[in-house]
Amino acid sequence: MATKILLVDDEKLIVKGIKFSLEQDGMEVTTSHDGEEGLELAKKNKFDLIVLDIMLPKMDGLEICQNIREFSNVPIIMLTAKSEDMDKIMGLEYGADDYLTKPFNVLELKARIKAILRRENRKKPQAAEHDDSKIITIRDITVDLNTKRVMMSGQEINLTAKEFDLLEILIETPDKVYTREELLSTVWGYDYPGDVRTVDVHVRRLREKVEEKPSEPKYVHTKWGVGYYFK
């Protein structure tokens, strides 16, 4: 089955070029030139990955990304015309998996897409019976590694794919301290072009969801100068 990509960008020439290049690799590409339509397409269809420009008419890419994260963990690559680090970090804070700064080479975009899809495919479980040993409960938090669901005091919370991956690594080995570099290479892959600030952003977002007081965490702790661990 062909890989399904949603491409949302208001620059029609860029869209045409990217669409042609991805289709040459056998991908099925759906396009949109405004934010509202892009979000509706994401809601009504199942895509393997979304390429999303930040600057869009009707609704900007960051808002779309935030909306998508309320109902889907589909990988998202953000496109931005700005080069400031804060813009890139903001994209990741809203739930994006990667970013590219315009102008970029379409071959670089294709490489990022393929790297993310490889990681996602490696994480897909093989058909097997439900394994109760893959359910971890520590105090108020329960993590089901089979279904990728997280419960806090009996209430399900919605984590992005990367937030769940971080939590899974940490909770499987309580008290083990992971460096930010280890978490970056494990969750994002050795070929991920970002830096360790990406880990800090996602840990902060994870704490906001699983901690009663994120500034005084009970679960996800910082080992200053080293990294993070689950208590």
N, C-alpha and C. Protein backbone atom coordinates (compact mmCIF):
# COMPACT_ATOMS: atom_id res chain seq x y z
N MET A 1 0.85 -1.19 0.00
CA MET A 1 0.00 0.00 0.00
C MET A 1 0.88 1.25 0.00
N ALA A 2 0.54 2.20 -0.85
CA ALA A 2 1.34 3.41 -0.98
C ALA A 2 1.31 4.25 0.29
N THR A 3 2.44 4.87 0.60
CA THR A 3 2.52 5.79 1.72
C THR A 3 1.70 7.03 1.40
N LYS A 4 0.83 7.44 2.35
CA LYS A 4 -0.05 8.58 2.12
C LYS A 4 0.47 9.82 2.84
N ILE A 5 0.72 10.86 2.08
CA ILE A 5 1.28 12.11 2.59
C ILE A 5 0.28 13.24 2.39
N LEU A 6 0.11 14.06 3.42
CA LEU A 6 -0.66 15.31 3.29
C LEU A 6 0.34 16.46 3.27
N LEU A 7 0.27 17.28 2.21
CA LEU A 7 1.17 18.42 2.05
C LEU A 7 0.34 19.70 2.08
N VAL A 8 0.60 20.56 3.09
CA VAL A 8 -0.17 21.80 3.24
C VAL A 8 0.79 22.98 3.13
N ASP A 9 0.69 23.73 2.03
CA ASP A 9 1.57 24.88 1.78
C ASP A 9 0.87 25.78 0.76
N ASP A 10 0.92 27.09 0.97
CA ASP A 10 0.21 28.00 0.06
C ASP A 10 1.05 28.41 -1.14
N GLU A 11 2.32 27.99 -1.21
CA GLU A 11 3.16 28.29 -2.37
C GLU A 11 2.99 27.18 -3.39
N LYS A 12 2.19 27.45 -4.41
CA LYS A 12 1.74 26.40 -5.33
C LYS A 12 2.88 25.77 -6.12
N LEU A 13 3.89 26.55 -6.48
CA LEU A 13 5.01 25.98 -7.22
C LEU A 13 5.80 25.00 -6.36
N ILE A 14 5.97 25.35 -5.07
CA ILE A 14 6.66 24.45 -4.15
C ILE A 14 5.86 23.16 -3.98
N VAL A 15 4.56 23.32 -3.81
CA VAL A 15 3.68 22.15 -3.65
C VAL A 15 3.77 21.25 -4.88
N LYS A 16 3.72 21.85 -6.06
CA LYS A 16 3.77 21.08 -7.30
C LYS A 16 5.07 20.28 -7.39
N GLY A 17 6.20 20.94 -7.05
CA GLY A 17 7.49 20.26 -7.12
C GLY A 17 7.63 19.13 -6.13
N ILE A 18 7.20 19.38 -4.88
CA ILE A 18 7.30 18.35 -3.85
C ILE A 18 6.39 17.17 -4.19
N LYS A 19 5.18 17.48 -4.59
CA LYS A 19 4.21 16.43 -4.95
C LYS A 19 4.76 15.54 -6.05
N PHE A 20 5.31 16.15 -7.10
CA PHE A 20 5.87 15.38 -8.21
C PHE A 20 7.00 14.48 -7.73
N SER A 21 7.91 15.05 -6.92
CA SER A 21 9.06 14.29 -6.45
C SER A 21 8.65 13.11 -5.56
N LEU A 22 7.69 13.34 -4.65
CA LEU A 22 7.25 12.26 -3.76
C LEU A 22 6.50 11.18 -4.54
N GLU A 23 5.72 11.60 -5.52
CA GLU A 23 4.99 10.62 -6.32
C GLU A 23 5.93 9.78 -7.16
N GLN A 24 7.09 10.33 -7.51
CA GLN A 24 8.09 9.55 -8.24
C GLN A 24 8.62 8.40 -7.38
N ASP A 25 8.52 8.57 -6.07
CA ASP A 25 8.94 7.52 -5.13
C ASP A 25 7.79 6.61 -4.74
N GLY A 26 6.66 6.74 -5.43
CA GLY A 26 5.53 5.85 -5.19
C GLY A 26 4.61 6.27 -4.07
N MET A 27 4.78 7.50 -3.56
CA MET A 27 3.91 7.97 -2.49
C MET A 27 2.63 8.57 -3.05
N GLU A 28 1.57 8.54 -2.26
CA GLU A 28 0.29 9.14 -2.63
C GLU A 28 0.17 10.47 -1.90
N VAL A 29 0.12 11.57 -2.64
CA VAL A 29 0.19 12.90 -2.03
C VAL A 29 -1.12 13.66 -2.21
N THR A 30 -1.69 14.10 -1.08
CA THR A 30 -2.86 14.98 -1.07
C THR A 30 -2.38 16.37 -0.71
N THR A 31 -2.84 17.39 -1.42
CA THR A 31 -2.34 18.74 -1.18
C THR A 31 -3.46 19.70 -0.78
N SER A 32 -3.05 20.75 -0.07
CA SER A 32 -3.96 21.82 0.31
C SER A 32 -3.17 23.12 0.36
N HIS A 33 -3.84 24.25 0.07
CA HIS A 33 -3.15 25.53 0.05
C HIS A 33 -3.60 26.47 1.16
N ASP A 34 -4.48 26.02 2.05
CA ASP A 34 -4.84 26.86 3.19
C ASP A 34 -5.03 26.01 4.44
N GLY A 35 -4.92 26.66 5.58
CA GLY A 35 -4.90 25.94 6.84
C GLY A 35 -6.19 25.23 7.19
N GLU A 36 -7.31 25.88 6.99
CA GLU A 36 -8.60 25.28 7.36
C GLU A 36 -8.86 24.00 6.57
N GLU A 37 -8.60 24.06 5.27
CA GLU A 37 -8.80 22.87 4.44
C GLU A 37 -7.83 21.77 4.84
N GLY A 38 -6.58 22.14 5.12
CA GLY A 38 -5.59 21.16 5.54
C GLY A 38 -6.01 20.42 6.80
N LEU A 39 -6.54 21.15 7.77
CA LEU A 39 -6.98 20.53 9.01
C LEU A 39 -8.15 19.59 8.75
N GLU A 40 -9.10 20.00 7.91
CA GLU A 40 -10.24 19.14 7.59
C GLU A 40 -9.79 17.85 6.91
N LEU A 41 -8.83 17.96 6.02
CA LEU A 41 -8.30 16.77 5.36
C LEU A 41 -7.65 15.83 6.37
N ALA A 42 -6.92 16.41 7.33
CA ALA A 42 -6.27 15.59 8.36
C ALA A 42 -7.31 14.88 9.23
N LYS A 43 -8.44 15.53 9.48
CA LYS A 43 -9.49 14.95 10.30
C LYS A 43 -10.22 13.81 9.58
N LYS A 44 -10.42 13.96 8.27
CA LYS A 44 -11.28 13.03 7.54
C LYS A 44 -10.52 11.89 6.88
N ASN A 45 -9.20 11.95 6.86
CA ASN A 45 -8.41 10.93 6.17
C ASN A 45 -7.30 10.41 7.07
N LYS A 46 -6.82 9.24 6.75
CA LYS A 46 -5.71 8.65 7.50
C LYS A 46 -4.43 8.79 6.68
N PHE A 47 -3.51 9.62 7.17
CA PHE A 47 -2.24 9.84 6.47
C PHE A 47 -1.10 9.20 7.27
N ASP A 48 -0.03 8.85 6.56
CA ASP A 48 1.16 8.30 7.22
C ASP A 48 2.08 9.40 7.72
N LEU A 49 1.99 10.59 7.10
CA LEU A 49 2.83 11.72 7.50
C LEU A 49 2.25 12.99 6.92
N ILE A 50 2.43 14.11 7.64
CA ILE A 50 1.94 15.41 7.18
C ILE A 50 3.11 16.38 7.09
N VAL A 51 3.21 17.08 5.95
CA VAL A 51 4.19 18.15 5.77
C VAL A 51 3.40 19.46 5.83
N LEU A 52 3.76 20.32 6.77
CA LEU A 52 2.91 21.45 7.12
C LEU A 52 3.71 22.75 7.20
N ASP A 53 3.35 23.71 6.35
CA ASP A 53 3.99 25.02 6.39
C ASP A 53 3.46 25.81 7.58
N ILE A 54 4.28 26.67 8.16
CA ILE A 54 3.82 27.47 9.30
C ILE A 54 2.96 28.64 8.83
N MET A 55 3.42 29.35 7.81
CA MET A 55 2.71 30.53 7.34
C MET A 55 1.67 30.11 6.30
N LEU A 56 0.39 30.10 6.73
CA LEU A 56 -0.70 29.67 5.87
C LEU A 56 -1.88 30.63 6.00
N PRO A 57 -2.67 30.80 4.95
CA PRO A 57 -3.90 31.60 5.07
C PRO A 57 -4.96 30.85 5.88
N LYS A 58 -5.83 31.61 6.54
CA LYS A 58 -6.99 31.13 7.30
C LYS A 58 -6.64 30.51 8.65
N MET A 59 -5.56 29.72 8.72
CA MET A 59 -5.13 29.13 9.99
C MET A 59 -3.66 28.77 9.86
N ASP A 60 -2.82 29.22 10.81
CA ASP A 60 -1.39 28.96 10.65
C ASP A 60 -1.02 27.52 11.03
N GLY A 61 0.16 27.12 10.59
CA GLY A 61 0.59 25.74 10.76
C GLY A 61 0.72 25.31 12.20
N LEU A 62 1.13 26.21 13.09
CA LEU A 62 1.27 25.84 14.50
C LEU A 62 -0.09 25.51 15.11
N GLU A 63 -1.10 26.28 14.76
CA GLU A 63 -2.45 26.03 15.26
C GLU A 63 -2.99 24.71 14.70
N ILE A 64 -2.72 24.46 13.43
CA ILE A 64 -3.15 23.19 12.82
C ILE A 64 -2.47 22.02 13.52
N CYS A 65 -1.17 22.14 13.74
CA CYS A 65 -0.41 21.07 14.40
C CYS A 65 -0.99 20.78 15.78
N GLN A 66 -1.28 21.85 16.52
CA GLN A 66 -1.84 21.69 17.86
C GLN A 66 -3.20 21.01 17.80
N ASN A 67 -4.02 21.37 16.82
CA ASN A 67 -5.33 20.73 16.66
C ASN A 67 -5.19 19.25 16.30
N ILE A 68 -4.28 18.94 15.39
CA ILE A 68 -4.09 17.55 14.98
C ILE A 68 -3.67 16.69 16.16
N ARG A 69 -2.85 17.25 17.04
CA ARG A 69 -2.35 16.48 18.18
C ARG A 69 -3.46 16.13 19.18
N GLU A 70 -4.62 16.74 19.03
CA GLU A 70 -5.74 16.40 19.90
C GLU A 70 -6.43 15.11 19.48
N PHE A 71 -6.18 14.67 18.23
CA PHE A 71 -6.84 13.44 17.78
C PHE A 71 -5.93 12.47 17.05
N SER A 72 -4.67 12.83 16.83
CA SER A 72 -3.79 11.95 16.06
C SER A 72 -2.33 12.14 16.45
N ASN A 73 -1.56 11.05 16.37
CA ASN A 73 -0.12 11.10 16.58
C ASN A 73 0.64 10.97 15.26
N VAL A 74 -0.02 11.24 14.13
CA VAL A 74 0.62 11.15 12.83
C VAL A 74 1.88 12.02 12.82
N PRO A 75 3.00 11.53 12.28
CA PRO A 75 4.22 12.35 12.22
C PRO A 75 3.99 13.63 11.41
N ILE A 76 4.55 14.74 11.91
CA ILE A 76 4.39 16.03 11.25
C ILE A 76 5.76 16.67 11.06
N ILE A 77 6.04 17.10 9.83
CA ILE A 77 7.23 17.89 9.53
C ILE A 77 6.79 19.32 9.25
N MET A 78 7.33 20.28 10.00
CA MET A 78 6.98 21.67 9.82
C MET A 78 7.94 22.34 8.83
N LEU A 79 7.41 23.22 8.00
CA LEU A 79 8.21 24.02 7.08
C LEU A 79 8.11 25.47 7.54
N THR A 80 9.26 26.16 7.63
CA THR A 80 9.24 27.54 8.07
C THR A 80 10.20 28.37 7.23
N ALA A 81 9.80 29.61 6.94
CA ALA A 81 10.65 30.51 6.18
C ALA A 81 11.60 31.27 7.11
N LYS A 82 11.40 31.11 8.41
CA LYS A 82 12.23 31.82 9.39
C LYS A 82 13.31 30.88 9.91
N SER A 83 14.46 31.42 10.21
CA SER A 83 15.58 30.58 10.64
C SER A 83 15.87 30.65 12.13
N GLU A 84 15.14 31.52 12.86
CA GLU A 84 15.42 31.66 14.28
C GLU A 84 15.12 30.35 15.01
N ASP A 85 15.99 29.99 15.93
CA ASP A 85 15.81 28.74 16.69
C ASP A 85 14.48 28.70 17.41
N MET A 86 14.00 29.84 17.91
CA MET A 86 12.77 29.84 18.69
C MET A 86 11.59 29.38 17.84
N ASP A 87 11.58 29.77 16.58
CA ASP A 87 10.50 29.33 15.71
C ASP A 87 10.52 27.82 15.54
N LYS A 88 11.73 27.26 15.43
CA LYS A 88 11.86 25.82 15.26
C LYS A 88 11.40 25.10 16.53
N ILE A 89 11.86 25.61 17.68
CA ILE A 89 11.48 24.99 18.94
C ILE A 89 9.97 25.10 19.15
N MET A 90 9.38 26.24 18.77
CA MET A 90 7.93 26.39 18.90
C MET A 90 7.20 25.31 18.12
N GLY A 91 7.70 25.02 16.92
CA GLY A 91 7.07 23.98 16.12
C GLY A 91 7.09 22.65 16.83
N LEU A 92 8.21 22.33 17.48
CA LEU A 92 8.31 21.07 18.20
C LEU A 92 7.44 21.09 19.45
N GLU A 93 7.30 22.25 20.08
CA GLU A 93 6.45 22.34 21.26
C GLU A 93 4.98 22.08 20.92
N TYR A 94 4.60 22.43 19.73
CA TYR A 94 3.22 22.21 19.32
C TYR A 94 2.97 20.78 18.87
N GLY A 95 4.00 19.93 18.91
CA GLY A 95 3.82 18.52 18.61
C GLY A 95 4.43 18.05 17.31
N ALA A 96 5.21 18.90 16.64
CA ALA A 96 5.86 18.48 15.39
C ALA A 96 6.99 17.50 15.69
N ASP A 97 7.29 16.65 14.72
CA ASP A 97 8.36 15.67 14.86
C ASP A 97 9.67 16.16 14.26
N ASP A 98 9.61 17.09 13.32
CA ASP A 98 10.81 17.57 12.65
C ASP A 98 10.48 18.90 11.98
N TYR A 99 11.49 19.59 11.48
CA TYR A 99 11.27 20.85 10.80
C TYR A 99 12.31 21.04 9.71
N LEU A 100 11.98 21.85 8.72
CA LEU A 100 12.91 22.26 7.67
C LEU A 100 12.73 23.75 7.46
N THR A 101 13.83 24.46 7.28
CA THR A 101 13.79 25.89 7.03
C THR A 101 13.88 26.15 5.53
N LYS A 102 12.95 26.96 5.02
CA LYS A 102 12.99 27.33 3.60
C LYS A 102 14.10 28.35 3.35
N PRO A 103 14.74 28.31 2.17
CA PRO A 103 14.55 27.32 1.09
C PRO A 103 15.28 26.02 1.43
N PHE A 104 14.75 24.90 0.95
CA PHE A 104 15.38 23.61 1.21
C PHE A 104 15.39 22.79 -0.07
N ASN A 105 16.25 21.81 -0.09
CA ASN A 105 16.32 20.89 -1.22
C ASN A 105 15.28 19.81 -1.03
N VAL A 106 14.50 19.51 -2.06
CA VAL A 106 13.45 18.51 -1.93
C VAL A 106 14.03 17.14 -1.57
N LEU A 107 15.29 16.90 -1.94
CA LEU A 107 15.93 15.63 -1.57
C LEU A 107 16.11 15.53 -0.06
N GLU A 108 16.36 16.69 0.58
CA GLU A 108 16.48 16.71 2.03
C GLU A 108 15.14 16.41 2.68
N LEU A 109 14.07 16.99 2.15
CA LEU A 109 12.73 16.70 2.67
C LEU A 109 12.42 15.22 2.52
N LYS A 110 12.72 14.65 1.37
CA LYS A 110 12.45 13.23 1.14
C LYS A 110 13.25 12.36 2.13
N ALA A 111 14.48 12.76 2.40
CA ALA A 111 15.30 12.01 3.35
C ALA A 111 14.69 12.07 4.75
N ARG A 112 14.19 13.24 5.15
CA ARG A 112 13.56 13.38 6.47
C ARG A 112 12.30 12.53 6.55
N ILE A 113 11.49 12.57 5.48
CA ILE A 113 10.25 11.79 5.45
C ILE A 113 10.56 10.30 5.60
N LYS A 114 11.52 9.82 4.83
CA LYS A 114 11.85 8.39 4.85
C LYS A 114 12.43 7.98 6.20
N ALA A 115 13.23 8.86 6.82
CA ALA A 115 13.80 8.54 8.13
C ALA A 115 12.71 8.41 9.19
N ILE A 116 11.75 9.33 9.17
CA ILE A 116 10.65 9.28 10.13
C ILE A 116 9.79 8.04 9.90
N LEU A 117 9.49 7.73 8.65
CA LEU A 117 8.65 6.56 8.34
C LEU A 117 9.35 5.27 8.73
N ARG A 118 10.67 5.21 8.56
CA ARG A 118 11.42 4.02 8.99
C ARG A 118 11.29 3.82 10.50
N ARG A 119 11.42 4.92 11.25
CA ARG A 119 11.31 4.82 12.71
C ARG A 119 9.90 4.41 13.11
N GLU A 120 8.89 4.97 12.43
CA GLU A 120 7.52 4.61 12.76
C GLU A 120 7.24 3.14 12.46
N ASN A 121 7.77 2.64 11.36
CA ASN A 121 7.54 1.24 11.00
C ASN A 121 8.22 0.30 11.98
N ARG A 122 9.38 0.70 12.48
CA ARG A 122 10.08 -0.15 13.46
C ARG A 122 9.31 -0.25 14.76
N LYS A 123 8.50 0.79 15.06
CA LYS A 123 7.76 0.79 16.31
C LYS A 123 6.45 0.03 16.24
N LYS A 124 6.00 -0.31 15.02
CA LYS A 124 4.73 -1.02 14.89
C LYS A 124 4.86 -2.43 15.43
N PRO A 125 4.00 -2.84 16.38
CA PRO A 125 4.11 -4.18 16.96
C PRO A 125 3.69 -5.23 15.96
N GLN A 126 4.33 -6.39 16.03
CA GLN A 126 3.92 -7.53 15.24
C GLN A 126 2.63 -8.10 15.81
N ALA A 127 1.83 -8.74 14.96
CA ALA A 127 0.57 -9.32 15.42
C ALA A 127 0.84 -10.32 16.54
N ALA A 128 0.21 -10.11 17.67
CA ALA A 128 0.43 -10.98 18.82
C ALA A 128 -0.70 -10.78 19.81
N GLU A 129 -0.85 -11.74 20.72
CA GLU A 129 -1.87 -11.62 21.75
C GLU A 129 -1.47 -10.52 22.72
N HIS A 130 -2.47 -9.93 23.34
CA HIS A 130 -2.22 -8.86 24.31
C HIS A 130 -1.39 -9.40 25.46
N ASP A 131 -0.31 -8.72 25.78
CA ASP A 131 0.63 -9.17 26.80
C ASP A 131 0.48 -8.27 28.04
N ASP A 132 -0.11 -8.84 29.10
CA ASP A 132 -0.33 -8.05 30.31
C ASP A 132 0.98 -7.60 30.95
N SER A 133 2.08 -8.28 30.63
CA SER A 133 3.37 -7.89 31.21
C SER A 133 3.84 -6.56 30.63
N LYS A 134 3.19 -6.11 29.57
CA LYS A 134 3.55 -4.84 28.96
C LYS A 134 2.71 -3.68 29.51
N ILE A 135 2.04 -3.92 30.62
CA ILE A 135 1.30 -2.85 31.30
C ILE A 135 2.07 -2.49 32.57
N ILE A 136 2.51 -1.24 32.66
CA ILE A 136 3.31 -0.78 33.79
C ILE A 136 2.49 0.20 34.62
N THR A 137 2.38 -0.08 35.91
CA THR A 137 1.67 0.82 36.82
C THR A 137 2.60 1.25 37.94
N ILE A 138 2.77 2.55 38.09
CA ILE A 138 3.58 3.11 39.18
C ILE A 138 2.77 4.24 39.79
N ARG A 139 2.34 4.03 41.04
CA ARG A 139 1.48 4.98 41.73
C ARG A 139 0.24 5.30 40.89
N ASP A 140 0.06 6.57 40.50
CA ASP A 140 -1.18 6.97 39.81
C ASP A 140 -1.11 6.79 38.30
N ILE A 141 0.03 6.38 37.79
CA ILE A 141 0.21 6.34 36.33
C ILE A 141 0.27 4.90 35.83
N THR A 142 -0.49 4.61 34.77
CA THR A 142 -0.48 3.30 34.13
C THR A 142 -0.17 3.48 32.66
N VAL A 143 0.83 2.75 32.18
CA VAL A 143 1.24 2.83 30.78
C VAL A 143 1.05 1.46 30.14
N ASP A 144 0.22 1.39 29.10
CA ASP A 144 0.00 0.15 28.35
C ASP A 144 0.85 0.23 27.10
N LEU A 145 1.94 -0.55 27.08
CA LEU A 145 2.87 -0.51 25.96
C LEU A 145 2.31 -1.18 24.72
N ASN A 146 1.26 -2.01 24.90
CA ASN A 146 0.62 -2.66 23.76
C ASN A 146 -0.21 -1.68 22.95
N THR A 147 -1.04 -0.92 23.66
CA THR A 147 -1.99 -0.02 22.99
C THR A 147 -1.52 1.43 22.96
N LYS A 148 -0.35 1.70 23.57
CA LYS A 148 0.20 3.06 23.62
C LYS A 148 -0.74 4.03 24.34
N ARG A 149 -1.40 3.53 25.39
CA ARG A 149 -2.32 4.38 26.16
C ARG A 149 -1.71 4.67 27.53
N VAL A 150 -2.00 5.87 28.04
CA VAL A 150 -1.51 6.28 29.35
C VAL A 150 -2.70 6.74 30.18
N MET A 151 -2.80 6.22 31.40
CA MET A 151 -3.88 6.59 32.31
C MET A 151 -3.28 7.26 33.54
N MET A 152 -3.92 8.35 33.97
CA MET A 152 -3.54 9.02 35.21
C MET A 152 -4.74 9.01 36.13
N SER A 153 -4.64 8.30 37.25
CA SER A 153 -5.74 8.20 38.22
C SER A 153 -7.02 7.74 37.52
N GLY A 154 -6.88 6.81 36.58
CA GLY A 154 -8.03 6.25 35.89
C GLY A 154 -8.51 7.03 34.69
N GLN A 155 -7.91 8.21 34.43
CA GLN A 155 -8.31 9.04 33.30
C GLN A 155 -7.23 8.97 32.21
N GLU A 156 -7.66 8.71 30.98
CA GLU A 156 -6.68 8.63 29.89
C GLU A 156 -6.18 10.02 29.52
N ILE A 157 -4.87 10.12 29.29
CA ILE A 157 -4.29 11.38 28.84
C ILE A 157 -3.70 11.16 27.45
N ASN A 158 -3.72 12.21 26.66
CA ASN A 158 -3.30 12.12 25.27
C ASN A 158 -1.87 12.61 25.11
N LEU A 159 -0.97 11.69 24.79
CA LEU A 159 0.42 12.04 24.53
C LEU A 159 0.71 11.96 23.04
N THR A 160 1.62 12.80 22.58
CA THR A 160 2.09 12.66 21.21
C THR A 160 2.98 11.42 21.14
N ALA A 161 3.31 11.00 19.92
CA ALA A 161 4.14 9.81 19.75
C ALA A 161 5.49 9.97 20.44
N LYS A 162 6.10 11.12 20.30
CA LYS A 162 7.42 11.34 20.89
C LYS A 162 7.33 11.42 22.42
N GLU A 163 6.28 12.05 22.94
CA GLU A 163 6.09 12.11 24.39
C GLU A 163 5.92 10.70 24.96
N PHE A 164 5.15 9.86 24.26
CA PHE A 164 4.96 8.49 24.72
C PHE A 164 6.28 7.72 24.69
N ASP A 165 7.05 7.88 23.61
CA ASP A 165 8.33 7.18 23.50
C ASP A 165 9.27 7.55 24.65
N LEU A 166 9.29 8.85 24.99
CA LEU A 166 10.13 9.29 26.11
C LEU A 166 9.67 8.65 27.42
N LEU A 167 8.36 8.68 27.65
CA LEU A 167 7.82 8.11 28.87
C LEU A 167 8.10 6.61 28.94
N GLU A 168 7.94 5.92 27.82
CA GLU A 168 8.17 4.48 27.79
C GLU A 168 9.61 4.14 28.18
N ILE A 169 10.56 4.85 27.59
CA ILE A 169 11.97 4.60 27.91
C ILE A 169 12.25 4.82 29.39
N LEU A 170 11.74 5.93 29.92
CA LEU A 170 12.03 6.29 31.31
C LEU A 170 11.34 5.35 32.30
N ILE A 171 10.07 5.01 32.05
CA ILE A 171 9.31 4.24 33.03
C ILE A 171 9.72 2.77 33.04
N GLU A 172 10.28 2.27 31.93
CA GLU A 172 10.70 0.86 31.89
C GLU A 172 11.94 0.62 32.75
N THR A 173 12.69 1.67 33.03
CA THR A 173 13.90 1.53 33.86
C THR A 173 13.94 2.64 34.90
N PRO A 174 13.05 2.55 35.92
CA PRO A 174 13.01 3.61 36.94
C PRO A 174 14.37 3.83 37.59
N ASP A 175 14.65 5.08 37.88
CA ASP A 175 15.88 5.53 38.55
C ASP A 175 17.12 5.49 37.66
N LYS A 176 17.00 4.96 36.45
CA LYS A 176 18.13 5.01 35.53
C LYS A 176 18.16 6.39 34.87
N VAL A 177 19.30 7.05 34.95
CA VAL A 177 19.43 8.38 34.38
C VAL A 177 19.90 8.27 32.93
N TYR A 178 19.11 8.88 32.03
CA TYR A 178 19.46 8.92 30.61
C TYR A 178 19.96 10.31 30.26
N THR A 179 21.08 10.39 29.56
CA THR A 179 21.53 11.70 29.11
C THR A 179 20.60 12.20 28.01
N ARG A 180 20.62 13.49 27.81
CA ARG A 180 19.78 14.06 26.75
C ARG A 180 20.20 13.52 25.39
N GLU A 181 21.51 13.29 25.21
CA GLU A 181 22.01 12.74 23.94
C GLU A 181 21.48 11.33 23.72
N GLU A 182 21.42 10.51 24.78
CA GLU A 182 20.89 9.15 24.66
C GLU A 182 19.42 9.18 24.28
N LEU A 183 18.66 10.05 24.92
CA LEU A 183 17.23 10.15 24.61
C LEU A 183 17.02 10.65 23.19
N LEU A 184 17.82 11.61 22.76
CA LEU A 184 17.68 12.15 21.41
C LEU A 184 17.93 11.06 20.36
N SER A 185 19.01 10.29 20.54
CA SER A 185 19.34 9.27 19.55
C SER A 185 18.37 8.11 19.58
N THR A 186 17.83 7.78 20.78
CA THR A 186 16.91 6.65 20.89
C THR A 186 15.53 6.98 20.35
N VAL A 187 15.01 8.14 20.71
CA VAL A 187 13.64 8.51 20.32
C VAL A 187 13.58 9.09 18.91
N TRP A 188 14.55 9.95 18.58
CA TRP A 188 14.51 10.62 17.27
C TRP A 188 15.40 9.94 16.23
N GLY A 189 16.35 9.13 16.68
CA GLY A 189 17.22 8.43 15.75
C GLY A 189 18.55 9.15 15.56
N TYR A 190 19.57 8.37 15.20
CA TYR A 190 20.91 8.94 15.03
C TYR A 190 20.98 9.93 13.88
N ASP A 191 20.05 9.80 12.92
CA ASP A 191 20.09 10.67 11.76
C ASP A 191 19.25 11.93 11.94
N TYR A 192 18.70 12.13 13.15
CA TYR A 192 17.88 13.33 13.39
C TYR A 192 18.80 14.55 13.44
N PRO A 193 18.48 15.62 12.67
CA PRO A 193 19.37 16.78 12.58
C PRO A 193 19.24 17.78 13.72
N GLY A 194 18.26 17.61 14.61
CA GLY A 194 18.05 18.56 15.70
C GLY A 194 19.07 18.38 16.82
N ASP A 195 18.90 19.17 17.90
CA ASP A 195 19.84 19.08 19.01
C ASP A 195 19.09 18.72 20.30
N VAL A 196 19.82 18.67 21.42
CA VAL A 196 19.27 18.17 22.67
C VAL A 196 18.18 19.08 23.25
N ARG A 197 18.05 20.31 22.76
CA ARG A 197 16.96 21.16 23.24
C ARG A 197 15.60 20.56 22.89
N THR A 198 15.58 19.77 21.82
CA THR A 198 14.35 19.06 21.45
C THR A 198 13.89 18.17 22.60
N VAL A 199 14.83 17.50 23.26
CA VAL A 199 14.51 16.63 24.40
C VAL A 199 13.93 17.46 25.53
N ASP A 200 14.54 18.59 25.83
CA ASP A 200 14.07 19.45 26.92
C ASP A 200 12.63 19.91 26.68
N VAL A 201 12.34 20.28 25.44
CA VAL A 201 10.99 20.75 25.09
C VAL A 201 9.98 19.64 25.33
N HIS A 202 10.29 18.43 24.88
CA HIS A 202 9.34 17.33 25.01
C HIS A 202 9.20 16.85 26.45
N VAL A 203 10.27 16.90 27.21
CA VAL A 203 10.17 16.55 28.63
C VAL A 203 9.26 17.55 29.35
N ARG A 204 9.41 18.82 29.02
CA ARG A 204 8.54 19.84 29.63
C ARG A 204 7.08 19.59 29.28
N ARG A 205 6.81 19.26 28.02
CA ARG A 205 5.43 18.97 27.61
C ARG A 205 4.91 17.71 28.30
N LEU A 206 5.76 16.71 28.44
CA LEU A 206 5.37 15.47 29.12
C LEU A 206 5.01 15.75 30.57
N ARG A 207 5.81 16.55 31.23
CA ARG A 207 5.53 16.90 32.63
C ARG A 207 4.20 17.64 32.77
N GLU A 208 3.91 18.50 31.82
CA GLU A 208 2.66 19.25 31.88
C GLU A 208 1.45 18.33 31.83
N LYS A 209 1.63 17.12 31.30
CA LYS A 209 0.52 16.20 31.15
C LYS A 209 0.46 15.15 32.26
N VAL A 210 1.61 14.75 32.82
CA VAL A 210 1.59 13.66 33.80
C VAL A 210 1.87 14.12 35.22
N GLU A 211 2.28 15.36 35.39
CA GLU A 211 2.60 15.85 36.73
C GLU A 211 1.51 16.79 37.23
N GLU A 212 1.16 16.64 38.50
CA GLU A 212 0.19 17.55 39.10
C GLU A 212 0.77 18.96 39.17
N LYS A 213 2.05 19.04 39.56
CA LYS A 213 2.78 20.30 39.57
C LYS A 213 4.05 20.12 38.75
N PRO A 214 4.03 20.49 37.48
CA PRO A 214 5.20 20.27 36.61
C PRO A 214 6.50 20.86 37.17
N SER A 215 6.39 21.94 37.94
CA SER A 215 7.61 22.54 38.51
C SER A 215 8.14 21.75 39.69
N GLU A 216 7.30 20.85 40.24
CA GLU A 216 7.72 19.98 41.35
C GLU A 216 7.36 18.53 40.98
N PRO A 217 8.06 17.96 40.00
CA PRO A 217 7.68 16.65 39.46
C PRO A 217 7.80 15.52 40.46
N LYS A 218 6.84 14.58 40.39
CA LYS A 218 6.89 13.35 41.19
C LYS A 218 7.46 12.19 40.38
N TYR A 219 7.33 12.27 39.06
CA TYR A 219 7.70 11.15 38.20
C TYR A 219 8.95 11.41 37.37
N VAL A 220 8.89 12.41 36.51
CA VAL A 220 9.99 12.67 35.58
C VAL A 220 10.92 13.73 36.18
N HIS A 221 12.08 13.27 36.61
CA HIS A 221 13.02 14.14 37.33
C HIS A 221 14.23 14.49 36.48
N THR A 222 14.86 15.60 36.85
CA THR A 222 16.08 16.05 36.20
C THR A 222 17.29 15.73 37.07
N LYS A 223 18.30 15.13 36.47
CA LYS A 223 19.60 14.98 37.12
C LYS A 223 20.47 16.08 36.54
N TRP A 224 20.63 17.14 37.31
CA TRP A 224 21.26 18.34 36.77
C TRP A 224 22.64 18.04 36.20
N GLY A 225 22.86 18.54 35.00
CA GLY A 225 24.14 18.35 34.33
C GLY A 225 24.28 17.00 33.65
N VAL A 226 23.26 16.14 33.81
CA VAL A 226 23.35 14.80 33.21
C VAL A 226 22.18 14.55 32.27
N GLY A 227 20.94 14.46 32.83
CA GLY A 227 19.79 14.15 31.99
C GLY A 227 18.52 13.96 32.79
N TYR A 228 17.74 12.94 32.44
CA TYR A 228 16.43 12.75 33.05
C TYR A 228 16.25 11.29 33.49
N TYR A 229 15.37 11.11 34.50
CA TYR A 229 15.05 9.76 34.98
C TYR A 229 13.64 9.74 35.54
N PHE A 230 13.08 8.53 35.62
CA PHE A 230 11.74 8.33 36.18
C PHE A 230 11.88 7.82 37.61
N LYS A 231 11.24 8.50 38.55
CA LYS A 231 11.36 8.14 39.97
C LYS A 231 10.22 7.22 40.35
